[in-house]
Amino acid sequence: MTQELTHFRSIPWCNALISDHAYFLTPSRSRYVKPSGEDVLLGNTIKTDDTIKAWLTLCKKPTSSGLLPAELRTLLTFGRALDGYPQILHGGIQGTVMDEVMGNLIGLIQDIESEEARKKGESYETAPWVTGELTLRYKRPVVTPGTVCCHVWVVKRDGRKVWIDGAIEDEKGVTLAGASGLFIKPRTQKI
């Protein structure tokens, strides 16, 4: 994370986001390949200077104790090897990135719930959440090479379902693509 932090600190608008005391740095889970082979796509295949050069995640601090994280900002620098058209990031990659950033928010929520249950001596079933639905609305091209901010937030939670909205934004906060996702925690391991 140190190398990526240095990279983003060198970009003034990213440094301003990193310096915002309402957020804290958190690991970008899908950028690390797990022993099971999970996350090979983002942790290996598209983790190069020509694909996704850098990825840094910031979590918004809960406004009061006991609340779960409900918002992430993820900074990404894209190279040219993910272009659909010359100097324009492929729309499918935009969907992949939004799915992963939303999934990172779900993972943080699950980690905190698990820790809270452990402190109370209660059991907590950890199961991978799955994407039930993901909708993207493309508004403007994501130019490559370039850096963007993926901003995601929880809209609603109902038991095993969480609805998350988000946007890919440029350095001025202009929405390049909007997204809505539904994530479901399966009752049993069916994956």
N, C-alpha and C. Protein backbone atom coordinates (compact mmCIF):
# COMPACT_ATOMS: atom_id res chain seq x y z
N MET A 1 0.83 -1.19 0.00
CA MET A 1 0.00 0.00 0.00
C MET A 1 0.87 1.25 0.00
N THR A 2 2.10 1.18 0.50
CA THR A 2 2.98 2.34 0.58
C THR A 2 3.28 2.92 -0.79
N GLN A 3 3.56 2.06 -1.77
CA GLN A 3 3.86 2.51 -3.11
C GLN A 3 2.64 3.20 -3.74
N GLU A 4 1.48 2.63 -3.52
CA GLU A 4 0.26 3.23 -4.07
C GLU A 4 -0.08 4.53 -3.37
N LEU A 5 0.14 4.60 -2.07
CA LEU A 5 -0.09 5.84 -1.32
C LEU A 5 0.82 6.94 -1.86
N THR A 6 2.08 6.62 -2.09
CA THR A 6 3.03 7.59 -2.65
C THR A 6 2.55 8.06 -4.02
N HIS A 7 2.11 7.12 -4.85
CA HIS A 7 1.62 7.45 -6.19
C HIS A 7 0.47 8.46 -6.11
N PHE A 8 -0.55 8.18 -5.29
CA PHE A 8 -1.72 9.04 -5.23
C PHE A 8 -1.44 10.36 -4.51
N ARG A 9 -0.52 10.35 -3.56
CA ARG A 9 -0.16 11.62 -2.90
C ARG A 9 0.49 12.59 -3.89
N SER A 10 1.09 12.05 -4.96
CA SER A 10 1.73 12.91 -5.96
C SER A 10 0.72 13.59 -6.90
N ILE A 11 -0.55 13.20 -6.81
CA ILE A 11 -1.61 13.79 -7.63
C ILE A 11 -2.41 14.71 -6.71
N PRO A 12 -2.35 16.03 -6.91
CA PRO A 12 -2.95 16.97 -5.95
C PRO A 12 -4.39 16.69 -5.55
N TRP A 13 -5.28 16.40 -6.49
CA TRP A 13 -6.68 16.18 -6.10
C TRP A 13 -6.84 14.89 -5.32
N CYS A 14 -6.03 13.88 -5.62
CA CYS A 14 -6.06 12.63 -4.84
C CYS A 14 -5.51 12.86 -3.43
N ASN A 15 -4.44 13.63 -3.34
CA ASN A 15 -3.85 13.94 -2.04
C ASN A 15 -4.86 14.64 -1.15
N ALA A 16 -5.68 15.52 -1.73
CA ALA A 16 -6.72 16.20 -0.95
C ALA A 16 -7.72 15.19 -0.38
N LEU A 17 -8.12 14.19 -1.18
CA LEU A 17 -9.04 13.16 -0.69
C LEU A 17 -8.38 12.32 0.41
N ILE A 18 -7.12 11.96 0.21
CA ILE A 18 -6.40 11.16 1.20
C ILE A 18 -6.27 11.93 2.52
N SER A 19 -6.12 13.24 2.43
CA SER A 19 -5.93 14.08 3.62
C SER A 19 -7.23 14.41 4.33
N ASP A 20 -8.36 14.05 3.77
CA ASP A 20 -9.67 14.30 4.39
C ASP A 20 -9.78 13.45 5.65
N HIS A 21 -9.88 14.11 6.81
CA HIS A 21 -9.91 13.40 8.09
C HIS A 21 -11.20 12.63 8.35
N ALA A 22 -12.18 12.79 7.47
CA ALA A 22 -13.42 12.03 7.61
C ALA A 22 -13.25 10.60 7.09
N TYR A 23 -12.10 10.31 6.46
CA TYR A 23 -11.82 8.99 5.88
C TYR A 23 -10.53 8.42 6.45
N PHE A 24 -10.41 7.09 6.40
CA PHE A 24 -9.17 6.42 6.78
C PHE A 24 -8.81 5.39 5.71
N LEU A 25 -7.53 5.10 5.58
CA LEU A 25 -7.06 4.11 4.61
C LEU A 25 -7.44 2.72 5.07
N THR A 26 -7.83 1.89 4.13
CA THR A 26 -8.17 0.50 4.43
C THR A 26 -7.64 -0.37 3.29
N PRO A 27 -7.27 -1.60 3.58
CA PRO A 27 -6.75 -2.45 2.50
C PRO A 27 -7.74 -2.62 1.35
N SER A 28 -7.23 -2.66 0.15
CA SER A 28 -8.02 -2.91 -1.05
C SER A 28 -8.00 -4.41 -1.28
N ARG A 29 -8.95 -5.12 -0.67
CA ARG A 29 -8.97 -6.58 -0.60
C ARG A 29 -8.75 -7.30 -1.92
N SER A 30 -9.40 -6.86 -2.96
CA SER A 30 -9.34 -7.60 -4.22
C SER A 30 -8.04 -7.39 -4.98
N ARG A 31 -7.14 -6.60 -4.46
CA ARG A 31 -5.84 -6.40 -5.11
C ARG A 31 -4.81 -7.42 -4.63
N TYR A 32 -5.22 -8.34 -3.77
CA TYR A 32 -4.31 -9.35 -3.24
C TYR A 32 -4.88 -10.74 -3.50
N VAL A 33 -4.12 -11.56 -4.20
CA VAL A 33 -4.56 -12.92 -4.51
C VAL A 33 -4.56 -13.73 -3.22
N LYS A 34 -5.67 -14.43 -2.97
CA LYS A 34 -5.82 -15.26 -1.78
C LYS A 34 -5.26 -16.66 -2.06
N PRO A 35 -4.88 -17.40 -1.02
CA PRO A 35 -4.36 -18.76 -1.21
C PRO A 35 -5.32 -19.66 -1.99
N SER A 36 -6.63 -19.38 -1.91
CA SER A 36 -7.62 -20.19 -2.63
C SER A 36 -7.61 -19.90 -4.14
N GLY A 37 -6.93 -18.82 -4.53
CA GLY A 37 -6.95 -18.40 -5.92
C GLY A 37 -7.93 -17.27 -6.17
N GLU A 38 -8.69 -16.91 -5.15
CA GLU A 38 -9.64 -15.81 -5.26
C GLU A 38 -8.89 -14.51 -5.57
N ASP A 39 -9.48 -13.67 -6.37
CA ASP A 39 -8.98 -12.34 -6.72
C ASP A 39 -7.76 -12.34 -7.63
N VAL A 40 -7.59 -13.40 -8.44
CA VAL A 40 -6.50 -13.44 -9.41
C VAL A 40 -6.67 -12.33 -10.45
N LEU A 41 -7.91 -12.06 -10.85
CA LEU A 41 -8.14 -11.06 -11.89
C LEU A 41 -7.57 -9.70 -11.49
N LEU A 42 -7.99 -9.17 -10.34
CA LEU A 42 -7.55 -7.84 -9.93
C LEU A 42 -6.24 -7.85 -9.18
N GLY A 43 -5.88 -8.96 -8.59
CA GLY A 43 -4.65 -9.03 -7.82
C GLY A 43 -3.44 -9.43 -8.64
N ASN A 44 -3.67 -9.88 -9.87
CA ASN A 44 -2.57 -10.34 -10.71
C ASN A 44 -2.74 -9.91 -12.16
N THR A 45 -3.79 -10.39 -12.80
CA THR A 45 -3.98 -10.20 -14.23
C THR A 45 -4.02 -8.73 -14.64
N ILE A 46 -4.81 -7.93 -13.95
CA ILE A 46 -4.88 -6.51 -14.30
C ILE A 46 -4.31 -5.63 -13.19
N LYS A 47 -3.14 -6.03 -12.72
CA LYS A 47 -2.39 -5.26 -11.73
C LYS A 47 -1.00 -4.98 -12.31
N THR A 48 -0.99 -4.19 -13.38
CA THR A 48 0.27 -3.84 -14.06
C THR A 48 0.27 -2.36 -14.38
N ASP A 49 1.39 -1.83 -14.78
CA ASP A 49 1.48 -0.41 -15.16
C ASP A 49 0.59 -0.07 -16.35
N ASP A 50 0.29 -1.06 -17.20
CA ASP A 50 -0.54 -0.82 -18.39
C ASP A 50 -2.02 -1.08 -18.16
N THR A 51 -2.39 -1.66 -17.01
CA THR A 51 -3.80 -1.96 -16.75
C THR A 51 -4.28 -1.08 -15.59
N ILE A 52 -4.33 -1.63 -14.39
CA ILE A 52 -4.65 -0.81 -13.21
C ILE A 52 -3.36 -0.67 -12.42
N LYS A 53 -2.71 0.45 -12.62
CA LYS A 53 -1.39 0.70 -12.03
C LYS A 53 -1.45 0.84 -10.51
N ALA A 54 -2.47 1.52 -10.02
CA ALA A 54 -2.56 1.78 -8.57
C ALA A 54 -4.01 1.78 -8.14
N TRP A 55 -4.23 1.35 -6.89
CA TRP A 55 -5.59 1.20 -6.33
C TRP A 55 -5.48 1.48 -4.84
N LEU A 56 -6.19 2.47 -4.34
CA LEU A 56 -6.12 2.84 -2.92
C LEU A 56 -7.53 3.10 -2.41
N THR A 57 -7.87 2.50 -1.26
CA THR A 57 -9.23 2.59 -0.73
C THR A 57 -9.26 3.40 0.55
N LEU A 58 -10.25 4.30 0.61
CA LEU A 58 -10.50 5.14 1.78
C LEU A 58 -11.91 4.86 2.28
N CYS A 59 -12.04 4.61 3.57
CA CYS A 59 -13.35 4.32 4.17
C CYS A 59 -13.79 5.52 5.00
N LYS A 60 -15.04 5.91 4.85
CA LYS A 60 -15.57 7.01 5.64
C LYS A 60 -15.77 6.54 7.08
N LYS A 61 -15.30 7.35 8.02
CA LYS A 61 -15.46 7.01 9.43
C LYS A 61 -16.93 7.12 9.81
N PRO A 62 -17.44 6.15 10.59
CA PRO A 62 -18.83 6.28 11.05
C PRO A 62 -18.98 7.54 11.88
N THR A 63 -20.13 8.19 11.77
CA THR A 63 -20.35 9.45 12.49
C THR A 63 -20.62 9.24 13.97
N SER A 64 -21.00 8.04 14.37
CA SER A 64 -21.17 7.75 15.80
C SER A 64 -20.78 6.29 16.04
N SER A 65 -20.46 5.98 17.28
CA SER A 65 -19.98 4.63 17.59
C SER A 65 -21.08 3.61 17.33
N GLY A 66 -20.66 2.43 16.95
CA GLY A 66 -21.58 1.34 16.72
C GLY A 66 -22.13 1.28 15.31
N LEU A 67 -21.89 2.32 14.51
CA LEU A 67 -22.38 2.29 13.14
C LEU A 67 -21.38 1.58 12.24
N LEU A 68 -21.88 0.92 11.24
CA LEU A 68 -21.03 0.23 10.27
C LEU A 68 -20.57 1.21 9.21
N PRO A 69 -19.44 0.92 8.55
CA PRO A 69 -19.03 1.80 7.45
C PRO A 69 -20.09 1.77 6.35
N ALA A 70 -20.34 2.92 5.79
CA ALA A 70 -21.40 2.99 4.78
C ALA A 70 -20.93 3.67 3.50
N GLU A 71 -19.63 3.98 3.41
CA GLU A 71 -19.15 4.71 2.24
C GLU A 71 -17.66 4.47 2.03
N LEU A 72 -17.29 4.27 0.77
CA LEU A 72 -15.88 4.13 0.39
C LEU A 72 -15.57 5.06 -0.78
N ARG A 73 -14.34 5.49 -0.83
CA ARG A 73 -13.77 6.15 -2.00
C ARG A 73 -12.55 5.35 -2.39
N THR A 74 -12.48 4.96 -3.64
CA THR A 74 -11.34 4.18 -4.12
C THR A 74 -10.71 4.91 -5.28
N LEU A 75 -9.43 5.20 -5.14
CA LEU A 75 -8.67 5.87 -6.19
C LEU A 75 -8.04 4.82 -7.09
N LEU A 76 -8.14 5.01 -8.40
CA LEU A 76 -7.57 4.07 -9.36
C LEU A 76 -6.86 4.82 -10.47
N THR A 77 -5.71 4.30 -10.88
CA THR A 77 -5.01 4.83 -12.04
C THR A 77 -4.99 3.74 -13.10
N PHE A 78 -5.58 4.06 -14.26
CA PHE A 78 -5.68 3.12 -15.38
C PHE A 78 -4.62 3.41 -16.43
N GLY A 79 -4.09 2.32 -17.01
CA GLY A 79 -3.21 2.42 -18.17
C GLY A 79 -4.02 2.24 -19.44
N ARG A 80 -3.34 2.05 -20.55
CA ARG A 80 -4.01 1.97 -21.85
C ARG A 80 -4.40 0.54 -22.24
N ALA A 81 -3.91 -0.47 -21.54
CA ALA A 81 -4.17 -1.86 -21.95
C ALA A 81 -5.59 -2.34 -21.67
N LEU A 82 -6.41 -1.49 -21.06
CA LEU A 82 -7.81 -1.84 -20.79
C LEU A 82 -8.77 -1.02 -21.64
N ASP A 83 -8.24 -0.40 -22.69
CA ASP A 83 -9.07 0.43 -23.57
C ASP A 83 -10.03 -0.41 -24.39
N GLY A 84 -11.25 0.12 -24.56
CA GLY A 84 -12.20 -0.44 -25.51
C GLY A 84 -12.02 0.28 -26.83
N TYR A 85 -12.01 1.59 -26.76
CA TYR A 85 -11.67 2.46 -27.89
C TYR A 85 -10.36 3.15 -27.51
N PRO A 86 -9.64 3.71 -28.46
CA PRO A 86 -8.39 4.38 -28.11
C PRO A 86 -8.59 5.43 -27.02
N GLN A 87 -7.82 5.31 -25.98
CA GLN A 87 -7.81 6.22 -24.82
C GLN A 87 -9.14 6.29 -24.06
N ILE A 88 -9.95 5.23 -24.17
CA ILE A 88 -11.21 5.16 -23.42
C ILE A 88 -11.31 3.78 -22.76
N LEU A 89 -11.45 3.80 -21.44
CA LEU A 89 -11.55 2.56 -20.67
C LEU A 89 -12.76 1.75 -21.11
N HIS A 90 -12.58 0.46 -21.30
CA HIS A 90 -13.66 -0.45 -21.71
C HIS A 90 -14.78 -0.42 -20.66
N GLY A 91 -16.03 -0.38 -21.12
CA GLY A 91 -17.17 -0.34 -20.22
C GLY A 91 -17.28 -1.56 -19.31
N GLY A 92 -16.87 -2.73 -19.81
CA GLY A 92 -16.90 -3.93 -18.98
C GLY A 92 -15.92 -3.85 -17.81
N ILE A 93 -14.80 -3.20 -18.03
CA ILE A 93 -13.82 -3.00 -16.94
C ILE A 93 -14.42 -2.04 -15.91
N GLN A 94 -15.15 -1.03 -16.38
CA GLN A 94 -15.81 -0.12 -15.44
C GLN A 94 -16.78 -0.90 -14.55
N GLY A 95 -17.53 -1.83 -15.15
CA GLY A 95 -18.45 -2.65 -14.37
C GLY A 95 -17.72 -3.54 -13.38
N THR A 96 -16.62 -4.13 -13.83
CA THR A 96 -15.81 -4.98 -12.94
C THR A 96 -15.30 -4.19 -11.74
N VAL A 97 -14.79 -3.01 -12.01
CA VAL A 97 -14.24 -2.18 -10.94
C VAL A 97 -15.35 -1.78 -9.96
N MET A 98 -16.50 -1.36 -10.47
CA MET A 98 -17.59 -0.96 -9.56
C MET A 98 -18.05 -2.15 -8.72
N ASP A 99 -18.15 -3.33 -9.32
CA ASP A 99 -18.54 -4.54 -8.59
C ASP A 99 -17.55 -4.81 -7.46
N GLU A 100 -16.26 -4.69 -7.74
CA GLU A 100 -15.24 -4.97 -6.74
C GLU A 100 -15.22 -3.92 -5.63
N VAL A 101 -15.36 -2.65 -5.98
CA VAL A 101 -15.35 -1.60 -4.96
C VAL A 101 -16.57 -1.75 -4.06
N MET A 102 -17.73 -2.03 -4.65
CA MET A 102 -18.93 -2.29 -3.84
C MET A 102 -18.72 -3.53 -2.96
N GLY A 103 -18.10 -4.55 -3.52
CA GLY A 103 -17.79 -5.76 -2.76
C GLY A 103 -16.82 -5.49 -1.61
N ASN A 104 -15.89 -4.58 -1.81
CA ASN A 104 -14.97 -4.21 -0.72
C ASN A 104 -15.73 -3.58 0.44
N LEU A 105 -16.73 -2.77 0.13
CA LEU A 105 -17.56 -2.17 1.19
C LEU A 105 -18.32 -3.27 1.95
N ILE A 106 -18.88 -4.22 1.23
CA ILE A 106 -19.57 -5.35 1.87
C ILE A 106 -18.60 -6.12 2.77
N GLY A 107 -17.38 -6.35 2.29
CA GLY A 107 -16.38 -7.06 3.08
C GLY A 107 -16.04 -6.35 4.38
N LEU A 108 -15.92 -5.03 4.32
CA LEU A 108 -15.65 -4.26 5.55
C LEU A 108 -16.80 -4.38 6.53
N ILE A 109 -18.01 -4.31 6.03
CA ILE A 109 -19.19 -4.46 6.90
C ILE A 109 -19.18 -5.84 7.56
N GLN A 110 -18.90 -6.87 6.78
CA GLN A 110 -18.87 -8.23 7.31
C GLN A 110 -17.76 -8.39 8.36
N ASP A 111 -16.59 -7.81 8.12
CA ASP A 111 -15.50 -7.88 9.11
C ASP A 111 -15.91 -7.26 10.43
N ILE A 112 -16.55 -6.11 10.38
CA ILE A 112 -16.95 -5.42 11.61
C ILE A 112 -18.05 -6.19 12.33
N GLU A 113 -19.03 -6.69 11.58
CA GLU A 113 -20.09 -7.48 12.20
C GLU A 113 -19.53 -8.73 12.86
N SER A 114 -18.58 -9.37 12.20
CA SER A 114 -17.95 -10.57 12.74
C SER A 114 -17.21 -10.26 14.04
N GLU A 115 -16.47 -9.16 14.05
CA GLU A 115 -15.72 -8.76 15.24
C GLU A 115 -16.66 -8.39 16.39
N GLU A 116 -17.74 -7.69 16.09
CA GLU A 116 -18.72 -7.34 17.13
C GLU A 116 -19.36 -8.58 17.72
N ALA A 117 -19.70 -9.55 16.88
CA ALA A 117 -20.28 -10.80 17.37
C ALA A 117 -19.28 -11.55 18.25
N ARG A 118 -18.01 -11.58 17.82
CA ARG A 118 -16.97 -12.26 18.59
C ARG A 118 -16.83 -11.63 19.97
N LYS A 119 -16.84 -10.32 20.04
CA LYS A 119 -16.72 -9.61 21.33
C LYS A 119 -17.88 -9.96 22.27
N LYS A 120 -19.05 -10.21 21.71
CA LYS A 120 -20.23 -10.56 22.51
C LYS A 120 -20.32 -12.05 22.79
N GLY A 121 -19.37 -12.83 22.26
CA GLY A 121 -19.40 -14.27 22.43
C GLY A 121 -20.43 -14.96 21.54
N GLU A 122 -20.86 -14.26 20.51
CA GLU A 122 -21.85 -14.82 19.59
C GLU A 122 -21.17 -15.37 18.35
N SER A 123 -21.87 -16.28 17.69
CA SER A 123 -21.31 -16.80 16.44
C SER A 123 -21.75 -15.89 15.28
N TYR A 124 -20.96 -15.91 14.25
CA TYR A 124 -21.26 -15.11 13.06
C TYR A 124 -20.85 -15.92 11.85
N GLU A 125 -21.80 -16.19 10.99
CA GLU A 125 -21.52 -16.98 9.79
C GLU A 125 -20.90 -16.08 8.72
N THR A 126 -19.64 -16.34 8.41
CA THR A 126 -19.01 -15.58 7.33
C THR A 126 -19.18 -16.38 6.04
N ALA A 127 -19.81 -15.74 5.10
CA ALA A 127 -20.02 -16.34 3.79
C ALA A 127 -19.78 -15.25 2.76
N PRO A 128 -19.24 -15.62 1.63
CA PRO A 128 -19.02 -14.59 0.62
C PRO A 128 -20.35 -14.06 0.09
N TRP A 129 -20.49 -12.75 0.09
CA TRP A 129 -21.67 -12.13 -0.49
C TRP A 129 -21.53 -12.24 -2.00
N VAL A 130 -22.64 -12.30 -2.68
CA VAL A 130 -22.61 -12.38 -4.14
C VAL A 130 -23.36 -11.19 -4.73
N THR A 131 -22.98 -10.83 -5.93
CA THR A 131 -23.66 -9.76 -6.64
C THR A 131 -24.96 -10.33 -7.22
N GLY A 132 -26.08 -9.77 -6.80
CA GLY A 132 -27.38 -10.19 -7.32
C GLY A 132 -27.75 -9.39 -8.55
N GLU A 133 -27.31 -8.15 -8.58
CA GLU A 133 -27.62 -7.27 -9.71
C GLU A 133 -26.64 -6.11 -9.72
N LEU A 134 -26.24 -5.71 -10.91
CA LEU A 134 -25.36 -4.55 -11.06
C LEU A 134 -25.79 -3.81 -12.31
N THR A 135 -26.11 -2.55 -12.15
CA THR A 135 -26.53 -1.71 -13.26
C THR A 135 -25.58 -0.54 -13.39
N LEU A 136 -25.07 -0.32 -14.59
CA LEU A 136 -24.22 0.84 -14.86
C LEU A 136 -24.90 1.78 -15.83
N ARG A 137 -24.67 3.06 -15.63
CA ARG A 137 -25.17 4.09 -16.52
C ARG A 137 -23.96 4.91 -16.96
N TYR A 138 -23.57 4.74 -18.21
CA TYR A 138 -22.40 5.41 -18.74
C TYR A 138 -22.78 6.83 -19.15
N LYS A 139 -22.06 7.81 -18.62
CA LYS A 139 -22.38 9.20 -18.89
C LYS A 139 -21.31 9.89 -19.74
N ARG A 140 -20.04 9.64 -19.42
CA ARG A 140 -18.92 10.25 -20.13
C ARG A 140 -17.79 9.24 -20.19
N PRO A 141 -16.89 9.37 -21.15
CA PRO A 141 -15.79 8.40 -21.23
C PRO A 141 -14.83 8.52 -20.05
N VAL A 142 -14.29 7.36 -19.65
CA VAL A 142 -13.19 7.33 -18.68
C VAL A 142 -11.92 7.30 -19.52
N VAL A 143 -11.19 8.39 -19.51
CA VAL A 143 -10.01 8.56 -20.36
C VAL A 143 -8.81 7.84 -19.78
N THR A 144 -8.06 7.18 -20.67
CA THR A 144 -6.83 6.50 -20.25
C THR A 144 -5.65 7.06 -21.05
N PRO A 145 -4.48 7.06 -20.47
CA PRO A 145 -4.24 6.78 -19.05
C PRO A 145 -4.84 7.89 -18.19
N GLY A 146 -5.24 7.52 -16.99
CA GLY A 146 -5.84 8.51 -16.11
C GLY A 146 -6.21 7.95 -14.76
N THR A 147 -6.58 8.86 -13.88
CA THR A 147 -6.93 8.51 -12.50
C THR A 147 -8.36 8.95 -12.22
N VAL A 148 -9.11 8.09 -11.54
CA VAL A 148 -10.49 8.37 -11.17
C VAL A 148 -10.72 8.01 -9.70
N CYS A 149 -11.88 8.41 -9.21
CA CYS A 149 -12.33 8.02 -7.87
C CYS A 149 -13.63 7.25 -8.02
N CYS A 150 -13.67 6.04 -7.49
CA CYS A 150 -14.91 5.27 -7.43
C CYS A 150 -15.49 5.50 -6.04
N HIS A 151 -16.65 6.10 -6.00
CA HIS A 151 -17.30 6.48 -4.75
C HIS A 151 -18.54 5.59 -4.60
N VAL A 152 -18.62 4.81 -3.52
CA VAL A 152 -19.77 3.92 -3.31
C VAL A 152 -20.33 4.11 -1.90
N TRP A 153 -21.65 3.88 -1.77
CA TRP A 153 -22.29 4.07 -0.48
C TRP A 153 -23.50 3.15 -0.35
N VAL A 154 -23.78 2.74 0.89
CA VAL A 154 -24.92 1.88 1.19
C VAL A 154 -26.20 2.73 1.12
N VAL A 155 -27.18 2.22 0.39
CA VAL A 155 -28.47 2.89 0.26
C VAL A 155 -29.48 2.28 1.23
N LYS A 156 -29.43 0.94 1.33
CA LYS A 156 -30.44 0.24 2.14
C LYS A 156 -29.91 -1.13 2.50
N ARG A 157 -30.33 -1.61 3.65
CA ARG A 157 -30.01 -2.98 4.04
C ARG A 157 -31.27 -3.62 4.61
N ASP A 158 -31.50 -4.87 4.17
CA ASP A 158 -32.65 -5.62 4.65
C ASP A 158 -32.20 -7.08 4.81
N GLY A 159 -31.84 -7.45 6.04
CA GLY A 159 -31.39 -8.81 6.31
C GLY A 159 -30.18 -9.20 5.50
N ARG A 160 -30.34 -10.18 4.62
CA ARG A 160 -29.23 -10.70 3.82
C ARG A 160 -29.01 -9.92 2.53
N LYS A 161 -29.69 -8.79 2.37
CA LYS A 161 -29.55 -8.00 1.15
C LYS A 161 -29.05 -6.59 1.47
N VAL A 162 -28.13 -6.10 0.63
CA VAL A 162 -27.62 -4.74 0.76
C VAL A 162 -27.66 -4.09 -0.62
N TRP A 163 -28.22 -2.88 -0.68
CA TRP A 163 -28.25 -2.10 -1.92
C TRP A 163 -27.18 -1.02 -1.82
N ILE A 164 -26.37 -0.92 -2.85
CA ILE A 164 -25.27 0.06 -2.88
C ILE A 164 -25.35 0.85 -4.18
N ASP A 165 -25.16 2.15 -4.07
CA ASP A 165 -25.04 3.01 -5.25
C ASP A 165 -23.61 3.50 -5.33
N GLY A 166 -23.24 3.98 -6.51
CA GLY A 166 -21.89 4.49 -6.66
C GLY A 166 -21.69 5.25 -7.94
N ALA A 167 -20.48 5.80 -8.08
CA ALA A 167 -20.14 6.56 -9.27
C ALA A 167 -18.65 6.49 -9.51
N ILE A 168 -18.28 6.51 -10.77
CA ILE A 168 -16.88 6.73 -11.16
C ILE A 168 -16.80 8.22 -11.46
N GLU A 169 -15.92 8.91 -10.73
CA GLU A 169 -15.83 10.36 -10.83
C GLU A 169 -14.44 10.80 -11.29
N ASP A 170 -14.39 11.92 -11.99
CA ASP A 170 -13.10 12.47 -12.39
C ASP A 170 -12.57 13.38 -11.27
N GLU A 171 -11.47 14.06 -11.55
CA GLU A 171 -10.81 14.89 -10.52
C GLU A 171 -11.68 16.05 -10.05
N LYS A 172 -12.68 16.43 -10.81
CA LYS A 172 -13.57 17.53 -10.43
C LYS A 172 -14.85 17.02 -9.76
N GLY A 173 -14.96 15.71 -9.60
CA GLY A 173 -16.17 15.13 -9.01
C GLY A 173 -17.29 14.92 -10.00
N VAL A 174 -17.01 15.08 -11.29
CA VAL A 174 -18.01 14.86 -12.33
C VAL A 174 -18.22 13.36 -12.50
N THR A 175 -19.47 12.92 -12.52
CA THR A 175 -19.79 11.50 -12.67
C THR A 175 -19.58 11.07 -14.12
N LEU A 176 -18.70 10.08 -14.29
CA LEU A 176 -18.44 9.51 -15.60
C LEU A 176 -19.33 8.29 -15.83
N ALA A 177 -19.63 7.57 -14.76
CA ALA A 177 -20.54 6.41 -14.82
C ALA A 177 -21.19 6.27 -13.45
N GLY A 178 -22.47 5.98 -13.45
CA GLY A 178 -23.19 5.74 -12.21
C GLY A 178 -23.50 4.25 -12.10
N ALA A 179 -23.67 3.76 -10.88
CA ALA A 179 -23.93 2.33 -10.69
C ALA A 179 -24.87 2.10 -9.53
N SER A 180 -25.62 1.01 -9.62
CA SER A 180 -26.47 0.53 -8.53
C SER A 180 -26.27 -0.97 -8.45
N GLY A 181 -26.12 -1.47 -7.23
CA GLY A 181 -25.92 -2.90 -7.06
C GLY A 181 -26.73 -3.47 -5.91
N LEU A 182 -27.09 -4.73 -6.06
CA LEU A 182 -27.75 -5.48 -5.00
C LEU A 182 -26.82 -6.64 -4.66
N PHE A 183 -26.47 -6.77 -3.38
CA PHE A 183 -25.59 -7.84 -2.92
C PHE A 183 -26.35 -8.70 -1.92
N ILE A 184 -26.14 -10.01 -2.05
CA ILE A 184 -26.91 -10.97 -1.25
C ILE A 184 -25.94 -11.90 -0.52
N LYS A 185 -26.25 -12.14 0.75
CA LYS A 185 -25.49 -13.12 1.53
C LYS A 185 -26.25 -14.44 1.46
N PRO A 186 -25.68 -15.44 0.76
CA PRO A 186 -26.39 -16.72 0.63
C PRO A 186 -26.63 -17.37 2.00
N ARG A 187 -27.70 -18.13 2.09
CA ARG A 187 -28.00 -18.84 3.34
C ARG A 187 -26.95 -19.92 3.62
N THR A 188 -26.48 -20.56 2.57
CA THR A 188 -25.46 -21.60 2.72
C THR A 188 -24.43 -21.41 1.61
N GLN A 189 -23.34 -22.12 1.74
CA GLN A 189 -22.28 -22.05 0.73
C GLN A 189 -22.75 -22.72 -0.56
N LYS A 190 -23.20 -21.91 -1.51
CA LYS A 190 -23.67 -22.44 -2.79
C LYS A 190 -22.76 -22.00 -3.93
N ILE A 191 -21.67 -21.34 -3.60
CA ILE A 191 -20.80 -20.81 -4.65
C ILE A 191 -19.80 -21.87 -5.08
